[in-house]
C-alpha cells in the first residue's frame, strides 16, 4: 500500500543510518587517541601467562587420571608430562629472572632443533617424491603435517 511520504521516510532513515555509521566509524579512532586509551600489554601478558598456567595445571591433573587407563602408555604419559611441565615452569608466577633465561634458552634451542629436523624431513619427502617412491598425494599430505608442526613452533 502507498504510504504518504514514503520516499522521504526512506531517504531520511537511510541518511540517519549512513550518517551514524560514518560519524561513529570515523570519529572513534580520533576519540581513542584523544583520550589516550592504550592497550595494557603488560596486563594482557600477565593474564595470558596465568591462563596458560591454569590450563597446564588442569592438563597435568588430567594426565595423572589418564595414567590409570591401559591405552595410556607409560612412555607417552612421561613424554607428555615433560612437555606440559616445561609449559608449567614457563608460565609459573613464581619463576625468577635467571630461570626465565634458562627456559628461554631451552625453548629457543628446541625450536631451532625442531626446525632443522622438519627441514630434513621435508627434503626427504621431496627426494622420495622425485624418485617416484611416494605419490604426490602422500608427499603433500605429509608436507601438510610438517607445515602444521612448523606453525605450532611459531606459536
Protein backbone atom coordinates (compact mmCIF):
# COMPACT_ATOMS: atom_id res chain seq x y z
CA UNK A 1 0.00 0.00 0.00
CA UNK A 2 1.09 3.53 -0.67
CA UNK A 3 2.34 5.33 2.41
CA UNK A 4 2.23 9.10 2.18
CA UNK A 5 5.78 10.50 2.09
CA UNK A 6 7.33 7.02 1.69
CA UNK A 7 10.26 8.26 -0.42
CA UNK A 8 11.05 10.98 2.11
CA UNK A 9 10.91 8.50 5.03
CA UNK A 10 13.22 6.05 3.25
CA UNK A 11 15.65 8.87 2.40
CA UNK A 12 15.68 10.21 5.98
CA UNK A 13 16.17 6.74 7.51
CA UNK A 14 18.96 5.94 5.04
CA UNK A 15 20.65 9.28 5.74
CA UNK A 16 20.42 8.83 9.52
CA UNK A 17 21.85 5.30 9.36
CA UNK A 18 24.64 6.25 6.98
CA UNK A 19 25.46 9.39 8.96
CA UNK A 20 25.54 7.48 12.23
CA UNK A 21 27.84 4.80 10.86
CA UNK A 22 30.18 7.27 9.19
CA UNK A 23 30.26 9.66 12.14
CA UNK A 24 30.95 6.95 14.70
CA UNK A 25 33.25 4.94 12.47
CA UNK A 26 35.41 7.90 11.52
CA UNK A 27 35.42 9.59 14.92
CA UNK A 28 36.19 6.53 17.09
CA UNK A 29 39.93 6.37 16.28
CA UNK A 30 40.22 10.10 16.94
CA UNK A 31 38.41 9.74 20.26
CA UNK A 32 40.64 6.84 21.31
CA UNK A 33 43.77 8.86 20.53
CA UNK A 34 42.40 11.99 22.20
CA UNK A 35 41.53 10.09 25.37
CA UNK A 36 44.92 8.38 25.40
CA UNK A 37 43.44 4.90 25.57
CA UNK A 38 46.24 2.35 25.36
CA UNK A 39 46.23 -1.40 25.36
CA UNK A 40 47.53 -2.82 28.61
CA UNK A 41 50.27 -5.00 27.13
CA UNK A 42 51.76 -5.93 30.49
CA UNK A 43 48.37 -6.79 31.96
CA UNK A 44 47.41 -8.79 28.89
CA UNK A 45 50.69 -10.73 29.01
CA UNK A 46 50.21 -11.49 32.71
CA UNK A 47 46.64 -12.59 32.05
CA UNK A 48 47.79 -14.86 29.22
CA UNK A 49 50.54 -16.35 31.40
CA UNK A 50 48.05 -17.02 34.20
CA UNK A 51 45.61 -18.65 31.78
CA UNK A 52 48.35 -20.84 30.27
CA UNK A 53 49.49 -21.78 33.78
CA UNK A 54 45.96 -22.77 34.84
CA UNK A 55 45.37 -24.73 31.63
CA UNK A 56 48.67 -26.57 32.07
CA UNK A 57 47.83 -27.45 35.68
CA UNK A 58 44.49 -28.86 34.51
CA UNK A 59 46.24 -30.83 31.78
CA UNK A 60 48.78 -32.29 34.22
CA UNK A 61 45.99 -33.31 36.60
CA UNK A 62 44.05 -34.97 33.77
CA UNK A 63 47.21 -36.72 32.59
CA UNK A 64 47.59 -38.29 36.03
CA UNK A 65 43.99 -39.53 35.83
CA UNK A 66 44.61 -40.99 32.36
CA UNK A 67 47.61 -42.92 33.65
CA UNK A 68 45.13 -45.49 35.03
CA UNK A 69 43.94 -46.49 31.55
CA UNK A 70 45.66 -49.33 29.72
CA UNK A 71 45.81 -47.38 26.46
CA UNK A 72 47.83 -44.60 28.14
CA UNK A 73 51.35 -45.98 27.72
CA UNK A 74 53.87 -45.05 30.38
CA UNK A 75 56.35 -43.64 27.87
CA UNK A 76 53.69 -41.46 26.25
CA UNK A 77 52.47 -40.23 29.62
CA UNK A 78 56.04 -39.35 30.67
CA UNK A 79 56.75 -37.58 27.39
CA UNK A 80 53.57 -35.53 27.64
CA UNK A 81 54.29 -34.72 31.28
CA UNK A 82 57.73 -33.40 30.28
CA UNK A 83 56.21 -31.17 27.61
CA UNK A 84 53.48 -29.93 29.95
CA UNK A 85 55.93 -29.40 32.82
CA UNK A 86 58.02 -27.17 30.58
CA UNK A 87 54.96 -25.02 29.91
CA UNK A 88 54.10 -25.05 33.60
CA UNK A 89 57.54 -23.75 34.53
CA UNK A 90 57.46 -21.22 31.72
CA UNK A 91 54.23 -19.61 32.84
CA UNK A 92 54.59 -20.01 36.57
CA UNK A 93 54.07 -16.81 38.52
CA UNK A 94 56.89 -17.74 40.85
CA UNK A 95 59.82 -18.20 38.49
CA UNK A 96 62.88 -15.98 38.76
CA UNK A 97 64.57 -13.87 36.12
CA UNK A 98 67.57 -16.20 35.69
CA UNK A 99 65.20 -19.15 35.31
CA UNK A 100 63.45 -17.20 32.55
CA UNK A 101 66.72 -17.01 30.65
CA UNK A 102 67.31 -20.75 31.09
CA UNK A 103 63.79 -21.60 29.98
CA UNK A 104 64.07 -19.23 27.02
CA UNK A 105 67.38 -20.83 26.01
CA UNK A 106 65.81 -24.29 26.19
CA UNK A 107 62.78 -23.08 24.17
CA UNK A 108 64.93 -21.42 21.52
CA UNK A 109 67.16 -24.49 21.25
CA UNK A 110 64.12 -26.75 20.95
CA UNK A 111 62.63 -24.56 18.22
CA UNK A 112 65.89 -24.48 16.29
CA UNK A 113 66.36 -28.23 16.61
CA UNK A 114 62.73 -28.87 15.58
CA UNK A 115 63.07 -26.56 12.59
CA UNK A 116 66.21 -28.39 11.44
CA UNK A 117 64.55 -31.79 11.85
CA UNK A 118 61.46 -30.65 9.93
CA UNK A 119 63.68 -29.32 7.13
CA UNK A 120 65.42 -32.71 6.90
CA UNK A 121 62.06 -34.48 6.78
CA UNK A 122 60.84 -32.12 4.07
CA UNK A 123 63.98 -32.74 1.98
CA UNK A 124 63.50 -36.50 2.34
CA UNK A 125 59.87 -36.24 1.20
CA UNK A 126 60.85 -34.17 -1.83
CA UNK A 127 63.56 -36.71 -2.71
CA UNK A 128 61.14 -39.64 -2.30
CA UNK A 129 58.59 -37.85 -4.45
CA UNK A 130 61.15 -37.06 -7.14
CA UNK A 131 62.34 -40.69 -7.15
CA UNK A 132 58.79 -41.91 -7.51
CA UNK A 133 58.95 -43.83 -4.24
CA UNK A 134 55.87 -42.00 -2.93
CA UNK A 135 52.97 -40.40 -4.77
CA UNK A 136 52.37 -36.67 -4.91
CA UNK A 137 49.28 -37.16 -2.76
CA UNK A 138 51.26 -38.84 0.03
CA UNK A 139 54.04 -36.25 -0.22
CA UNK A 140 51.54 -33.38 0.00
CA UNK A 141 49.74 -34.93 2.98
CA UNK A 142 53.00 -35.43 4.88
CA UNK A 143 54.24 -31.96 3.94
CA UNK A 144 50.99 -30.55 5.28
CA UNK A 145 51.68 -32.25 8.61
CA UNK A 146 55.16 -30.70 8.61
CA UNK A 147 53.64 -27.29 7.79
CA UNK A 148 51.29 -27.62 10.76
CA UNK A 149 54.18 -28.58 13.03
CA UNK A 150 56.14 -25.53 11.87
CA UNK A 151 53.14 -23.30 12.57
CA UNK A 152 52.86 -24.80 16.05
CA UNK A 153 56.50 -23.90 16.67
CA UNK A 154 55.80 -20.26 15.81
CA UNK A 155 53.01 -20.01 18.38
